[in-house]
């Protein structure tokens, strides 16, 4: 076995404003139900009830019966740090197979005899006809391999990584030999987090996910993903599959119903028909992962069980860890998972909400749900270290100028100019007003018409800005994900709209003064104005 490489987590650190909702998950995007109003951080939300989870075709009792819960427990780590953790696994709902077994599994183990003592948390997501047998076999045996490998001797960092790698390879070999498990066309993902003192090692095979959230002095949530998906979307994985003789195509491409894409797929568009690994000799095995435990038929095509391993050192600002199957991450981003967990003192309540919201989005989007599993660990630093509280950035009225891109400034200024120009030119917030001025029984001279135009347009803009301000101010106290346009910290952009609207009025008024009151001129401009108004209405709708 080649030496195991340990990589310091190289995934980009994402610093986000807590409570800023992102629609869609890592791979699935689109309109989804937003989170409900949450209580203040550190409290249990009284609004989240069992009835809130009953959004599918199952009763509350059926939903509860499909849920496996590991109640909140605590384990101590070095230097006074402790982690309170809990887990929830929700069996999926498939209308055509209501009794389909839960193919997810999880396990948390402590190894007190290791030196130093260690704790490992794992999530498995099975696939294929025997996926549930593969995942539960892995949950039963992976930590046994780790316990044997760790032993009682002093464990170096390199030894931890080597133990994780050798245990995965041994597990892959053993499941292939297990007579009770047919893993020829079935397998499982495996994401494991091993905590040794303040050192965190994450091994990953497949597309289950591990992440950690930190809250520094700024109060902003900093996110690190500690795993990388092993699918054909990953360029390095795709290269290995092809060099091993496998071919990568979607099911539609294999069947001839979709055109070939030159190895270019978009996970946001191809979620319903992702690229898979196929043999060049037939339409098999169709594996969606490039690394897995099991899937013996696919091993000759470049599918491997060697985990990728990332390392992270716990710091005082680290607050929460989350491990999950893709039943969660298909519809919730790491940001949403971590920020949701930080609203609770009890990790079990956080697990229930994450699972419940994932379930809701699955059933709303697809009339079915995948199996959904999550482990949440709340990190408690030593008493002598101050724990920084999450400060929702949207509660501040200070302008966050660093967050303004040129696109935002250009959009605000151009909309202001266009809106004001139309008002100053002919008093037209919309096409009906053009007809009003063209066919009104009351005759308007230029001065009256321009005065009406300016009044109507400025009233429209001012009303809109007042609405945005009230909407944003209200959202800062309630659900920050429902703001219509800007956040309170973006009030500078409000000013852009107002100032440029006035400038647009002046420009439009001067052009109006220069025109002659001839029917020919008005008729010539009518089409042009209708196009401008249509564009204005369309952009306003998108805005």
Protein backbone atom coordinates (compact mmCIF):
# COMPACT_ATOMS: atom_id res chain seq x y z
CA UNK A 1 0.00 0.00 0.00
CA UNK A 2 1.49 3.39 -0.98
CA UNK A 3 2.13 5.97 1.76
CA UNK A 4 -1.03 7.75 2.80
CA UNK A 5 -1.13 11.45 2.01
CA UNK A 6 -2.63 13.80 4.57
CA UNK A 7 -3.73 17.13 3.16
CA UNK A 8 -4.38 20.18 5.28
CA UNK A 9 -7.86 21.20 4.29
CA UNK A 10 -7.40 23.01 1.00
CA UNK A 11 -11.04 23.67 0.26
CA UNK A 12 -11.74 27.38 0.11
CA UNK A 13 -13.02 28.92 3.31
CA UNK A 14 -16.40 30.52 2.78
CA UNK A 15 -17.20 33.44 5.06
CA UNK A 16 -20.90 34.16 5.04
CA UNK A 17 -23.43 36.37 6.72
CA UNK A 18 -25.32 34.15 9.13
CA UNK A 19 -29.00 33.74 8.33
CA UNK A 20 -28.56 34.75 4.66
CA UNK A 21 -30.54 31.97 3.02
CA UNK A 22 -29.22 30.32 -0.14
CA UNK A 23 -31.78 28.60 -2.32
CA UNK A 24 -31.09 25.07 -3.38
CA UNK A 25 -28.38 22.68 -2.27
CA UNK A 26 -24.96 21.77 -3.52
CA UNK A 27 -26.26 20.07 -6.64
CA UNK A 28 -29.95 20.87 -6.80
CA UNK A 29 -31.05 24.43 -7.36
CA UNK A 30 -34.34 26.18 -7.82
CA UNK A 31 -37.23 27.48 -5.82
CA UNK A 32 -37.60 25.72 -2.49
CA UNK A 33 -39.39 26.41 0.74
CA UNK A 34 -37.34 28.68 2.96
CA UNK A 35 -36.54 28.06 6.58
CA UNK A 36 -39.15 29.08 9.10
CA UNK A 37 -38.48 31.89 11.52
CA UNK A 38 -35.87 30.67 13.98
CA UNK A 39 -35.51 31.63 17.59
CA UNK A 40 -32.48 33.47 18.87
CA UNK A 41 -29.22 31.43 18.68
CA UNK A 42 -28.93 28.95 21.50
CA UNK A 43 -32.63 28.40 22.08
CA UNK A 44 -35.00 25.71 20.91
CA UNK A 45 -37.53 27.02 18.44
CA UNK A 46 -41.01 26.45 19.86
CA UNK A 47 -42.51 26.74 16.37
CA UNK A 48 -40.91 23.53 15.09
CA UNK A 49 -43.33 20.72 15.84
CA UNK A 50 -43.81 17.19 14.65
CA UNK A 51 -46.72 18.44 12.53
CA UNK A 52 -44.28 20.73 10.72
CA UNK A 53 -42.53 17.64 9.36
CA UNK A 54 -45.68 15.99 8.04
CA UNK A 55 -45.45 17.44 4.53
CA UNK A 56 -45.43 14.25 2.47
CA UNK A 57 -47.91 11.44 2.08
CA UNK A 58 -47.09 9.97 5.45
CA UNK A 59 -48.77 10.59 8.78
CA UNK A 60 -46.83 11.95 11.73
CA UNK A 61 -46.71 8.49 13.26
CA UNK A 62 -45.35 7.00 10.03
CA UNK A 63 -42.68 9.67 9.83
CA UNK A 64 -41.64 9.00 13.43
CA UNK A 65 -41.56 5.26 12.82
CA UNK A 66 -39.12 5.77 9.95
CA UNK A 67 -36.71 7.81 12.05
CA UNK A 68 -33.72 6.49 13.96
CA UNK A 69 -32.52 8.84 16.68
CA UNK A 70 -29.34 8.88 18.74
CA UNK A 71 -30.00 11.20 21.68
CA UNK A 72 -27.59 13.91 22.71
CA UNK A 73 -24.33 12.66 24.22
CA UNK A 74 -21.06 14.28 25.19
CA UNK A 75 -17.46 13.29 24.66
CA UNK A 76 -14.44 15.07 26.05
CA UNK A 77 -11.40 15.89 23.97
CA UNK A 78 -8.09 17.43 24.98
CA UNK A 79 -7.39 20.86 26.49
CA UNK A 80 -10.85 21.17 28.02
CA UNK A 81 -12.77 20.96 24.73
CA UNK A 82 -15.94 18.88 24.60
CA UNK A 83 -18.42 18.02 21.88
CA UNK A 84 -22.14 17.47 22.37
CA UNK A 85 -23.47 15.37 19.52
CA UNK A 86 -26.65 13.71 18.30
CA UNK A 87 -27.79 11.99 15.12
CA UNK A 88 -30.99 11.40 13.17
CA UNK A 89 -31.56 9.10 10.20
CA UNK A 90 -34.87 9.31 8.31
CA UNK A 91 -35.85 6.42 6.05
CA UNK A 92 -36.78 7.65 2.59
CA UNK A 93 -40.26 7.65 1.11
CA UNK A 94 -40.70 5.95 -2.28
CA UNK A 95 -44.34 5.74 -3.47
CA UNK A 96 -43.57 2.64 -5.55
CA UNK A 97 -41.80 0.90 -2.67
CA UNK A 98 -43.09 2.22 0.65
CA UNK A 99 -41.23 -0.49 2.58
CA UNK A 100 -37.82 0.11 1.03
CA UNK A 101 -35.13 -0.26 3.68
CA UNK A 102 -33.09 2.70 4.89
CA UNK A 103 -29.83 2.53 2.95
CA UNK A 104 -28.18 5.13 5.21
CA UNK A 105 -26.33 4.22 8.39
CA UNK A 106 -24.24 6.01 10.99
CA UNK A 107 -22.01 5.10 13.90
CA UNK A 108 -20.12 7.02 16.60
CA UNK A 109 -17.43 5.26 18.62
CA UNK A 110 -14.95 6.22 21.30
CA UNK A 111 -11.59 4.50 21.63
CA UNK A 112 -10.52 5.22 25.22
CA UNK A 113 -7.58 2.80 25.13
CA UNK A 114 -5.94 4.61 22.23
CA UNK A 115 -3.19 7.06 23.08
CA UNK A 116 -4.44 9.72 23.10
CA UNK A 117 -8.11 8.63 23.34
CA UNK A 118 -9.98 9.08 20.09
CA UNK A 119 -13.55 9.52 18.87
CA UNK A 120 -14.77 8.65 15.38
CA UNK A 121 -18.05 9.58 13.72
CA UNK A 122 -19.18 8.04 10.41
CA UNK A 123 -22.07 8.31 7.95
CA UNK A 124 -22.71 5.74 5.20
CA UNK A 125 -25.07 5.98 2.23
CA UNK A 126 -25.74 2.73 0.41
CA UNK A 127 -26.76 2.37 -3.22
CA UNK A 128 -27.89 -0.44 -5.47
CA UNK A 129 -30.15 -3.43 -4.77
CA UNK A 130 -28.19 -4.40 -1.64
CA UNK A 131 -27.25 -0.87 -0.64
CA UNK A 132 -28.75 -1.16 2.83
CA UNK A 133 -26.74 -4.33 3.51
CA UNK A 134 -23.53 -2.66 2.32
CA UNK A 135 -23.99 0.47 4.43
CA UNK A 136 -24.92 -1.43 7.59
CA UNK A 137 -22.03 -3.87 7.08
CA UNK A 138 -19.71 -0.87 6.81
CA UNK A 139 -21.18 0.74 9.93
CA UNK A 140 -20.67 -2.49 11.85
CA UNK A 141 -17.13 -3.24 10.71
CA UNK A 142 -15.25 -0.02 9.85
CA UNK A 143 -14.84 1.09 13.45
CA UNK A 144 -13.85 -2.43 14.45
CA UNK A 145 -10.97 -2.20 11.99
CA UNK A 146 -10.05 1.21 13.36
CA UNK A 147 -10.11 -0.02 16.96
CA UNK A 148 -7.81 -2.91 16.10
CA UNK A 149 -5.46 -0.66 14.16
CA UNK A 150 -5.30 2.09 16.79
CA UNK A 151 -4.53 -0.34 19.60
CA UNK A 152 -3.08 1.22 22.75
CA UNK A 153 0.22 2.61 21.45
CA UNK A 154 0.92 6.29 20.91
CA UNK A 155 -0.71 7.23 17.63
CA UNK A 156 1.03 9.69 15.31
CA UNK A 157 -0.84 11.82 12.82
CA UNK A 158 0.52 9.73 9.97
CA UNK A 159 -0.61 6.56 11.74
CA UNK A 160 -4.17 7.88 11.97
CA UNK A 161 -4.29 8.51 8.23
CA UNK A 162 -2.76 5.12 7.48
CA UNK A 163 -5.27 3.45 9.80
CA UNK A 164 -8.16 5.12 8.01
CA UNK A 165 -6.85 4.05 4.61
CA UNK A 166 -6.07 0.46 5.59
CA UNK A 167 -9.42 0.10 7.37
CA UNK A 168 -11.32 1.21 4.26
CA UNK A 169 -9.40 -1.21 2.06
CA UNK A 170 -9.94 -4.05 4.53
CA UNK A 171 -13.64 -3.20 4.72
CA UNK A 172 -13.91 -3.20 0.92
CA UNK A 173 -12.22 -6.59 0.77
CA UNK A 174 -14.35 -8.08 3.54
CA UNK A 175 -17.69 -6.95 2.14
CA UNK A 176 -16.76 -8.53 -1.18
CA UNK A 177 -16.14 -11.83 0.62
CA UNK A 178 -19.27 -11.66 2.75
CA UNK A 179 -21.65 -14.32 1.48
CA UNK A 180 -24.74 -12.59 2.90
CA UNK A 181 -24.06 -9.36 0.99
CA UNK A 182 -24.15 -9.20 -2.80
CA UNK A 183 -22.08 -6.11 -3.49
CA UNK A 184 -21.44 -6.83 -7.17
CA UNK A 185 -23.73 -3.97 -8.20
CA UNK A 186 -24.17 -2.35 -4.79
CA UNK A 187 -21.98 -0.36 -2.46
CA UNK A 188 -21.83 2.49 0.01
CA UNK A 189 -20.24 5.85 0.57
CA UNK A 190 -18.30 6.45 3.78
CA UNK A 191 -17.37 9.73 5.45
CA UNK A 192 -15.57 9.47 8.79
CA UNK A 193 -14.30 12.11 11.19
CA UNK A 194 -11.69 10.98 13.71
CA UNK A 195 -10.82 13.40 16.51
CA UNK A 196 -7.41 12.93 18.15
CA UNK A 197 -6.86 15.59 20.74
CA UNK A 198 -7.53 18.80 18.81
CA UNK A 199 -6.57 17.25 15.49
CA UNK A 200 -9.46 16.31 13.20
CA UNK A 201 -8.99 13.79 10.38
CA UNK A 202 -11.73 13.29 7.80
CA UNK A 203 -11.69 10.39 5.37
CA UNK A 204 -14.15 10.26 2.52
CA UNK A 205 -15.27 7.82 -0.14
CA UNK A 206 -18.23 8.85 -2.30
CA UNK A 207 -20.43 11.92 -1.90
CA UNK A 208 -21.37 12.04 1.77
CA UNK A 209 -20.24 15.27 3.38
CA UNK A 210 -18.30 16.58 6.39
CA UNK A 211 -18.15 20.26 7.31
CA UNK A 212 -17.14 22.53 10.17
CA UNK A 213 -18.39 25.99 11.10
CA UNK A 214 -16.43 28.65 12.98
CA UNK A 215 -17.47 31.95 14.52
CA UNK A 216 -14.54 34.38 14.97
CA UNK A 217 -14.69 37.79 16.67
CA UNK A 218 -16.46 39.31 13.66
CA UNK A 219 -19.51 37.17 14.40
CA UNK A 220 -19.66 35.91 10.81
CA UNK A 221 -19.95 32.21 10.15
CA UNK A 222 -16.87 30.74 8.45
CA UNK A 223 -17.45 27.44 6.66
CA UNK A 224 -15.03 24.69 5.72
CA UNK A 225 -16.04 21.58 3.83
CA UNK A 226 -13.74 18.75 4.87
CA UNK A 227 -14.70 16.33 2.09
CA UNK A 228 -14.77 16.29 -1.69
CA UNK A 229 -17.43 14.48 -3.72
CA UNK A 230 -16.12 11.50 -5.67
CA UNK A 231 -18.27 11.57 -8.78
CA UNK A 232 -17.55 11.98 -12.51
CA UNK A 233 -18.11 15.73 -12.06
CA UNK A 234 -14.70 15.75 -10.37
CA UNK A 235 -12.06 16.23 -13.09
CA UNK A 236 -9.33 14.22 -11.35
CA UNK A 237 -11.73 11.35 -10.71
CA UNK A 238 -12.96 11.42 -14.31
CA UNK A 239 -9.37 11.21 -15.57
CA UNK A 240 -8.66 8.14 -13.45
CA UNK A 241 -11.82 6.37 -14.60
CA UNK A 242 -10.99 6.95 -18.25
CA UNK A 243 -7.38 5.85 -17.82
CA UNK A 244 -8.68 2.63 -16.25
CA UNK A 245 -10.84 1.80 -19.25
CA UNK A 246 -14.19 3.00 -17.99
CA UNK A 247 -16.53 5.20 -19.97
CA UNK A 248 -18.53 8.02 -18.42
CA UNK A 249 -21.96 8.92 -19.77
CA UNK A 250 -25.42 9.74 -18.47
CA UNK A 251 -28.09 7.07 -18.72
CA UNK A 252 -29.73 9.11 -21.46
CA UNK A 253 -26.48 9.18 -23.43
CA UNK A 254 -26.04 5.43 -23.06
CA UNK A 255 -29.62 4.83 -24.19
CA UNK A 256 -29.22 7.26 -27.09
CA UNK A 257 -31.93 9.63 -25.91
CA UNK A 258 -29.50 12.45 -25.01
CA UNK A 259 -26.68 13.87 -27.08
CA UNK A 260 -23.05 13.44 -26.05
CA UNK A 261 -21.53 16.33 -24.10
CA UNK A 262 -17.73 15.91 -24.53
CA UNK A 263 -17.29 15.03 -20.86
CA UNK A 264 -18.89 18.29 -19.73
CA UNK A 265 -21.74 18.02 -17.27
CA UNK A 266 -23.32 20.58 -15.00
CA UNK A 267 -24.36 19.28 -11.55
CA UNK A 268 -26.97 22.05 -11.29
CA UNK A 269 -28.65 20.92 -14.52
CA UNK A 270 -27.94 17.18 -14.70
CA UNK A 271 -29.14 16.18 -11.21
CA UNK A 272 -31.93 14.01 -12.66
CA UNK A 273 -29.54 12.19 -15.01
CA UNK A 274 -25.98 12.45 -13.67
CA UNK A 275 -22.92 11.02 -15.42
CA UNK A 276 -22.16 7.42 -14.47
CA UNK A 277 -19.39 4.90 -14.93
CA UNK A 278 -20.05 2.21 -17.55
CA UNK A 279 -18.16 -0.67 -19.03
CA UNK A 280 -17.14 -0.44 -22.67
CA UNK A 281 -18.65 -3.90 -23.13
CA UNK A 282 -22.22 -3.13 -22.17
CA UNK A 283 -24.73 -1.04 -20.29
CA UNK A 284 -23.37 -1.84 -16.83
CA UNK A 285 -22.68 -1.14 -14.00
CA UNK A 286 -23.86 2.52 -14.21
CA UNK A 287 -22.16 3.57 -10.96
CA UNK A 288 -22.69 7.22 -10.00
CA UNK A 289 -19.60 7.28 -7.75
CA UNK A 290 -15.92 7.05 -8.58
CA UNK A 291 -14.99 5.77 -5.12
CA UNK A 292 -17.06 3.46 -2.95
CA UNK A 293 -17.04 0.48 -0.63
CA UNK A 294 -18.30 -2.54 -2.61
CA UNK A 295 -19.34 -2.25 -6.29
CA UNK A 296 -17.02 -5.13 -7.17
CA UNK A 297 -18.06 -5.21 -10.85
CA UNK A 298 -16.89 -1.60 -11.19
CA UNK A 299 -13.48 -2.09 -9.59
CA UNK A 300 -11.86 -2.89 -12.96
CA UNK A 301 -13.21 0.42 -14.30
CA UNK A 302 -11.29 2.63 -11.87
CA UNK A 303 -13.72 2.64 -8.94
CA UNK A 304 -11.55 2.52 -5.81
CA UNK A 305 -12.09 2.34 -2.04
CA UNK A 306 -9.06 4.47 -1.13
CA UNK A 307 -10.33 7.44 0.90
CA UNK A 308 -9.21 11.02 0.53
CA UNK A 309 -8.09 12.36 3.88
CA UNK A 310 -8.22 15.95 5.09
CA UNK A 311 -6.92 17.38 8.34
CA UNK A 312 -8.07 20.27 10.50
CA UNK A 313 -6.86 21.58 13.85
CA UNK A 314 -9.63 22.66 16.22
CA UNK A 315 -9.47 26.32 17.21
CA UNK A 316 -11.26 28.39 19.82
CA UNK A 317 -13.67 29.79 17.23
CA UNK A 318 -14.76 26.38 15.89
CA UNK A 319 -18.36 25.89 16.94
CA UNK A 320 -20.08 23.07 15.06
CA UNK A 321 -19.41 19.97 12.97
CA UNK A 322 -21.88 18.28 10.63
CA UNK A 323 -21.64 14.95 8.81
CA UNK A 324 -24.45 14.00 6.44
CA UNK A 325 -25.55 11.89 3.53
CA UNK A 326 -26.52 13.53 0.25
CA UNK A 327 -30.13 13.30 1.37
CA UNK A 328 -29.30 16.52 3.19
CA UNK A 329 -26.82 18.21 0.87
CA UNK A 330 -28.91 17.71 -2.26
CA UNK A 331 -31.24 20.40 -0.92
CA UNK A 332 -29.33 22.24 1.81
CA UNK A 333 -26.01 24.03 1.46
CA UNK A 334 -23.22 23.71 4.04
CA UNK A 335 -23.97 27.30 5.03
CA UNK A 336 -27.59 26.52 5.77
CA UNK A 337 -26.79 23.30 7.65
CA UNK A 338 -24.23 24.96 9.90
CA UNK A 339 -26.12 28.18 10.52
CA UNK A 340 -29.24 26.15 11.35
CA UNK A 341 -27.32 24.02 13.85
CA UNK A 342 -25.97 27.13 15.59
CA UNK A 343 -29.49 28.20 16.53
CA UNK A 344 -29.72 25.40 19.08
CA UNK A 345 -28.16 24.40 22.37
CA UNK A 346 -29.29 20.80 21.81
CA UNK A 347 -27.76 19.11 18.75
CA UNK A 348 -30.69 16.70 18.57
CA UNK A 349 -33.07 19.60 17.89
CA UNK A 350 -30.71 20.79 15.16
CA UNK A 351 -30.65 17.31 13.61
CA UNK A 352 -34.44 17.13 13.61
CA UNK A 353 -34.79 20.47 11.87
CA UNK A 354 -32.14 19.71 9.24
CA UNK A 355 -33.71 16.32 8.50
CA UNK A 356 -37.22 17.78 8.53
CA UNK A 357 -36.39 20.58 6.12
CA UNK A 358 -34.51 18.23 3.80
CA UNK A 359 -37.49 15.87 3.83
CA UNK A 360 -39.85 18.74 3.07
CA UNK A 361 -37.82 19.94 0.11
CA UNK A 362 -37.45 16.45 -1.32
CA UNK A 363 -41.18 15.72 -1.13
CA UNK A 364 -42.07 19.14 -2.54
CA UNK A 365 -39.65 18.85 -5.43
CA UNK A 366 -39.87 15.19 -6.38
CA UNK A 367 -42.86 13.59 -4.61
CA UNK A 368 -40.41 11.23 -2.92
CA UNK A 369 -37.50 11.49 -0.51
CA UNK A 370 -34.05 10.00 -0.32
CA UNK A 371 -32.81 8.52 2.94
CA UNK A 372 -31.64 11.45 5.08
CA UNK A 373 -28.98 11.19 7.77
CA UNK A 374 -27.12 13.84 9.76
CA UNK A 375 -24.79 13.99 12.75
CA UNK A 376 -24.44 17.36 14.47
CA UNK A 377 -21.70 18.09 17.00
CA UNK A 378 -21.67 21.34 18.97
CA UNK A 379 -18.12 22.21 20.03
CA UNK A 380 -17.74 23.65 23.52
CA UNK A 381 -14.38 25.38 24.13
CA UNK A 382 -12.77 25.42 27.61
CA UNK A 383 -14.47 27.76 30.14
CA UNK A 384 -11.50 30.15 30.07
CA UNK A 385 -11.94 30.79 26.33
CA UNK A 386 -14.65 33.24 25.35
CA UNK A 387 -17.11 31.82 22.87
CA UNK A 388 -18.00 34.43 20.27
CA UNK A 389 -21.70 34.73 19.57
CA UNK A 390 -23.16 34.68 16.10
CA UNK A 391 -24.00 38.21 15.02
CA UNK A 392 -26.45 38.23 12.08
CA UNK A 393 -24.89 40.69 9.66
CA UNK A 394 -28.30 41.67 8.33
CA UNK A 395 -29.13 43.37 11.64
CA UNK A 396 -26.51 46.05 10.99
CA UNK A 397 -27.33 49.21 9.07
CA UNK A 398 -23.67 49.94 8.37
CA UNK A 399 -23.04 49.79 4.63
CA UNK A 400 -21.03 46.73 3.70
CA UNK A 401 -19.28 48.40 0.79
CA UNK A 402 -16.99 45.44 0.27
CA UNK A 403 -19.96 43.30 -0.72
CA UNK A 404 -21.04 45.58 -3.56
CA UNK A 405 -20.02 44.27 -6.93
CA UNK A 406 -19.98 46.42 -10.03
CA UNK A 407 -23.01 44.49 -11.20
CA UNK A 408 -25.02 45.65 -8.17
CA UNK A 409 -23.99 49.30 -8.54
CA UNK A 410 -24.57 49.28 -12.29
CA UNK A 411 -27.96 47.65 -11.83
CA UNK A 412 -29.13 50.14 -9.20
CA UNK A 413 -27.91 53.19 -11.14
CA UNK A 414 -29.22 52.03 -14.53
CA UNK A 415 -32.62 51.16 -13.09
CA UNK A 416 -32.76 54.57 -11.45
CA UNK A 417 -31.87 56.38 -14.66
CA UNK A 418 -34.25 54.34 -16.79
CA UNK A 419 -37.11 54.71 -14.33
CA UNK A 420 -36.58 58.44 -13.93
CA UNK A 421 -36.07 59.00 -17.64
CA UNK A 422 -39.38 57.41 -18.49
CA UNK A 423 -41.10 59.49 -15.84
CA UNK A 424 -39.56 62.75 -16.96
CA UNK A 425 -40.11 61.98 -20.64
CA UNK A 426 -43.77 61.14 -20.57
CA UNK A 427 -44.90 60.13 -17.09
CA UNK A 428 -44.79 56.44 -17.91
CA UNK A 429 -44.24 53.88 -15.16
CA UNK A 430 -46.07 51.48 -17.48
CA UNK A 431 -47.71 51.26 -20.94
CA UNK A 432 -51.26 52.13 -19.71
CA UNK A 433 -50.02 55.61 -18.77
CA UNK A 434 -48.86 56.22 -22.35
CA UNK A 435 -52.38 55.58 -23.59
CA UNK A 436 -53.73 57.82 -20.86
CA UNK A 437 -51.68 60.76 -22.06
CA UNK A 438 -52.31 60.04 -25.75
CA UNK A 439 -56.07 59.63 -25.51
CA UNK A 440 -57.02 61.61 -22.41
CA UNK A 441 -60.04 63.96 -22.93
CA UNK A 442 -58.18 66.50 -20.84
CA UNK A 443 -55.61 68.47 -22.82
CA UNK A 444 -52.17 68.73 -21.21
CA UNK A 445 -49.61 71.30 -22.21
CA UNK A 446 -45.93 70.47 -21.88
CA UNK A 447 -45.56 72.03 -18.47
CA UNK A 448 -48.56 70.23 -16.95
CA UNK A 449 -47.63 66.92 -18.50
CA UNK A 450 -44.06 67.14 -17.28
CA UNK A 451 -45.22 68.08 -13.77
CA UNK A 452 -47.54 65.10 -13.68
CA UNK A 453 -44.79 62.85 -15.01
CA UNK A 454 -42.26 63.90 -12.40
CA UNK A 455 -44.77 63.61 -9.54
CA UNK A 456 -45.94 60.14 -10.58
CA UNK A 457 -42.44 58.81 -11.13
CA UNK A 458 -40.91 60.20 -7.93
CA UNK A 459 -43.90 58.93 -5.94
CA UNK A 460 -43.44 55.50 -7.49
CA UNK A 461 -39.71 55.38 -6.73
CA UNK A 462 -40.12 56.76 -3.20
CA UNK A 463 -42.90 54.29 -2.40
CA UNK A 464 -40.80 51.41 -3.68
CA UNK A 465 -37.82 52.48 -1.57
CA UNK A 466 -39.98 52.85 1.53
CA UNK A 467 -41.36 49.35 0.94
CA UNK A 468 -37.86 47.88 0.55
CA UNK A 469 -36.68 49.63 3.71
CA UNK A 470 -39.63 48.42 5.79
CA UNK A 471 -39.33 44.94 4.31
CA UNK A 472 -35.62 44.72 5.08
CA UNK A 473 -36.01 46.23 8.54
CA UNK A 474 -38.75 43.76 9.40
CA UNK A 475 -36.69 40.85 8.07
CA UNK A 476 -33.78 41.80 10.32
CA UNK A 477 -35.98 40.83 13.26
CA UNK A 478 -37.69 37.88 11.65
CA UNK A 479 -36.68 35.66 8.75
CA UNK A 480 -33.74 37.19 6.92
CA UNK A 481 -34.30 34.92 3.95
CA UNK A 482 -37.49 36.70 2.86
CA UNK A 483 -36.13 40.16 2.02
CA UNK A 484 -37.41 41.32 -1.35
CA UNK A 485 -34.32 43.08 -2.65
CA UNK A 486 -31.53 44.52 -0.54
CA UNK A 487 -30.34 43.91 2.98
CA UNK A 488 -30.35 46.83 5.47
CA UNK A 489 -26.59 47.15 5.05
CA UNK A 490 -27.16 47.92 1.39
CA UNK A 491 -28.95 51.24 1.97
CA UNK A 492 -26.28 52.92 -0.15
CA UNK A 493 -27.84 51.22 -3.16
CA UNK A 494 -31.21 52.69 -2.19
CA UNK A 495 -29.55 56.09 -2.42
CA UNK A 496 -28.20 55.20 -5.86
CA UNK A 497 -31.70 54.43 -7.10
CA UNK A 498 -33.13 57.68 -5.74
CA UNK A 499 -30.33 59.97 -6.97
CA UNK A 500 -30.11 58.44 -10.41
CA UNK A 501 -33.90 58.48 -10.70
CA UNK A 502 -33.86 62.25 -10.22
CA UNK A 503 -31.10 62.56 -12.82
CA UNK A 504 -33.17 60.47 -15.18
CA UNK A 505 -36.16 62.74 -14.64
CA UNK A 506 -34.10 65.78 -15.60
CA UNK A 507 -32.77 64.12 -18.76
CA UNK A 508 -36.20 62.92 -19.78
CA UNK A 509 -37.76 66.33 -19.15
CA UNK A 510 -35.19 68.10 -21.36
CA UNK A 511 -35.82 65.67 -24.20
CA UNK A 512 -39.54 66.21 -23.77
CA UNK A 513 -39.09 70.01 -24.02
CA UNK A 514 -37.18 69.57 -27.26
CA UNK A 515 -39.98 67.63 -28.96
CA UNK A 516 -42.69 69.15 -31.10
CA UNK A 517 -46.35 68.51 -30.36
CA UNK A 518 -46.95 66.68 -33.59
CA UNK A 519 -48.94 63.48 -33.89
CA UNK A 520 -46.28 62.06 -36.17
CA UNK A 521 -43.59 62.51 -33.56
CA UNK A 522 -45.71 60.97 -30.82
CA UNK A 523 -46.69 58.01 -32.98
CA UNK A 524 -43.08 57.49 -34.02
CA UNK A 525 -41.99 57.38 -30.40
CA UNK A 526 -44.85 55.20 -29.18
CA UNK A 527 -43.24 51.89 -30.20
CA UNK A 528 -39.91 52.97 -28.78
CA UNK A 529 -41.52 53.93 -25.48
CA UNK A 530 -43.46 50.67 -25.28
CA UNK A 531 -40.22 48.73 -25.72
CA UNK A 532 -38.53 50.79 -23.01
CA UNK A 533 -41.46 50.31 -20.66
CA UNK A 534 -41.56 46.58 -21.31
CA UNK A 535 -37.85 46.35 -20.57
CA UNK A 536 -38.32 48.45 -17.43
CA UNK A 537 -41.14 46.25 -16.16
CA UNK A 538 -39.19 43.07 -16.92
CA UNK A 539 -36.05 44.31 -15.19
CA UNK A 540 -38.08 45.54 -12.24
CA UNK A 541 -39.66 42.09 -11.89
CA UNK A 542 -36.24 40.47 -11.93
CA UNK A 543 -34.86 43.14 -9.65
